[in-house]
Amino acid sequence: MEALMSETMTLNRTVTVVNENGLHMIPCSLMVRLIKDFQGDVRLSNGQHEADCKSMFDLLQLAAAPGTTLSLTVTGEQAEIMAEQISRFFENGFKLES
């Protein structure tokens, strides 16, 4: 069990909503799809609310308008890869890479 725990990492990053419509229903559904197979935990926080990124409802509750800066926390064995994918998703205005 200790070997498994040593492989799990937690990464914290800051992401900014750059698209003109904010984090609305479509980007939230794309975000859920992006991380659906990730075995760890992905959370976004705006300082007042924290969202489980596997829940579209939680993401919508952030009410993140254009220009909003969010704290991203990714925990799991592939945390570095997932954090990078999510960062690019935000940087690209919520467009998924092929």
Protein backbone atom coordinates (compact mmCIF):
# COMPACT_ATOMS: atom_id res chain seq x y z
CA MET A 1 0.00 0.00 0.00
CA GLU A 2 2.85 2.42 0.74
CA ALA A 3 4.24 2.00 -2.79
CA LEU A 4 0.91 3.09 -4.27
CA MET A 5 0.69 6.12 -2.02
CA SER A 6 4.19 7.27 -2.93
CA GLU A 7 3.17 7.45 -6.63
CA THR A 8 0.20 9.71 -5.90
CA MET A 9 0.96 13.40 -6.17
CA THR A 10 -0.92 16.64 -5.76
CA LEU A 11 -0.33 19.59 -8.08
CA ASN A 12 -1.66 23.12 -7.70
CA ARG A 13 -1.91 25.57 -10.58
CA THR A 14 -3.74 28.74 -11.44
CA VAL A 15 -5.91 28.88 -14.56
CA THR A 16 -7.76 31.84 -16.07
CA VAL A 17 -11.04 31.85 -17.96
CA VAL A 18 -10.05 33.44 -21.30
CA ASN A 19 -13.09 32.88 -23.50
CA GLU A 20 -15.66 35.64 -23.87
CA ASN A 21 -18.59 33.71 -22.38
CA GLY A 22 -17.02 32.38 -19.19
CA LEU A 23 -17.29 28.88 -17.78
CA HIS A 24 -20.82 28.09 -18.96
CA MET A 25 -22.62 24.81 -19.70
CA ILE A 26 -20.70 23.78 -22.82
CA PRO A 27 -17.18 24.25 -21.38
CA CYS A 28 -18.32 22.56 -18.16
CA SER A 29 -19.52 19.51 -20.09
CA LEU A 30 -16.25 19.44 -22.07
CA MET A 31 -14.26 19.64 -18.82
CA VAL A 32 -16.17 16.70 -17.36
CA ARG A 33 -15.51 14.74 -20.55
CA LEU A 34 -11.81 15.65 -20.48
CA ILE A 35 -11.29 14.21 -17.00
CA LYS A 36 -13.90 11.43 -16.89
CA ASP A 37 -11.34 8.60 -17.06
CA PHE A 38 -8.84 10.20 -14.67
CA GLN A 39 -8.59 8.05 -11.54
CA GLY A 40 -7.68 10.91 -9.23
CA ASP A 41 -9.33 14.05 -7.91
CA VAL A 42 -9.61 17.34 -9.82
CA ARG A 43 -10.92 20.48 -8.13
CA LEU A 44 -11.30 24.13 -9.08
CA SER A 45 -11.80 26.93 -6.58
CA ASN A 46 -12.63 30.60 -6.93
CA GLY A 47 -11.82 31.38 -3.29
CA GLN A 48 -15.42 31.09 -2.16
CA HIS A 49 -16.57 27.85 -3.78
CA GLU A 50 -14.77 24.62 -4.60
CA ALA A 51 -15.94 22.38 -7.43
CA ASP A 52 -15.39 18.68 -8.06
CA CYS A 53 -14.54 18.82 -11.76
CA LYS A 54 -16.26 15.51 -12.45
CA SER A 55 -19.56 17.27 -11.65
CA MET A 56 -20.97 19.67 -14.19
CA PHE A 57 -23.29 21.06 -11.52
CA ASP A 58 -20.32 21.84 -9.25
CA LEU A 59 -18.48 23.57 -12.10
CA LEU A 60 -21.49 25.72 -12.98
CA GLN A 61 -21.73 26.83 -9.34
CA LEU A 62 -18.35 28.59 -9.73
CA ALA A 63 -20.06 31.16 -12.00
CA ALA A 64 -16.64 31.92 -13.51
CA ALA A 65 -16.92 34.94 -15.81
CA PRO A 66 -14.31 35.92 -18.41
CA GLY A 67 -11.08 36.90 -16.69
CA THR A 68 -11.78 34.87 -13.55
CA THR A 69 -8.70 33.24 -12.04
CA LEU A 70 -9.28 29.81 -10.52
CA SER A 71 -7.10 27.56 -8.37
CA LEU A 72 -6.69 24.09 -9.84
CA THR A 73 -5.78 21.12 -7.62
CA VAL A 74 -5.11 17.73 -9.20
CA THR A 75 -4.38 14.64 -7.11
CA GLY A 76 -3.53 11.22 -8.51
CA GLU A 77 -0.89 9.08 -10.16
CA GLN A 78 -1.17 10.99 -13.45
CA ALA A 79 -1.66 14.41 -11.82
CA GLU A 80 1.06 16.13 -13.85
CA ILE A 81 -0.39 15.01 -17.18
CA MET A 82 -3.96 15.89 -16.18
CA ALA A 83 -2.96 19.31 -14.81
CA GLU A 84 -1.20 20.08 -18.09
CA GLN A 85 -4.23 19.02 -20.16
CA ILE A 86 -6.57 21.15 -18.07
CA SER A 87 -4.23 24.15 -18.22
CA ARG A 88 -4.12 23.91 -22.02
CA PHE A 89 -7.93 23.53 -22.11
CA PHE A 90 -8.25 26.87 -20.28
CA GLU A 91 -5.48 28.56 -22.32
CA ASN A 92 -7.16 27.47 -25.57
CA GLY A 93 -10.52 28.99 -24.62
CA PHE A 94 -12.09 25.64 -23.70
CA LYS A 95 -11.20 23.82 -26.90
CA LEU A 96 -10.28 20.15 -26.55
CA GLU A 97 -7.11 19.06 -28.31
CA SER A 98 -7.41 16.21 -30.78
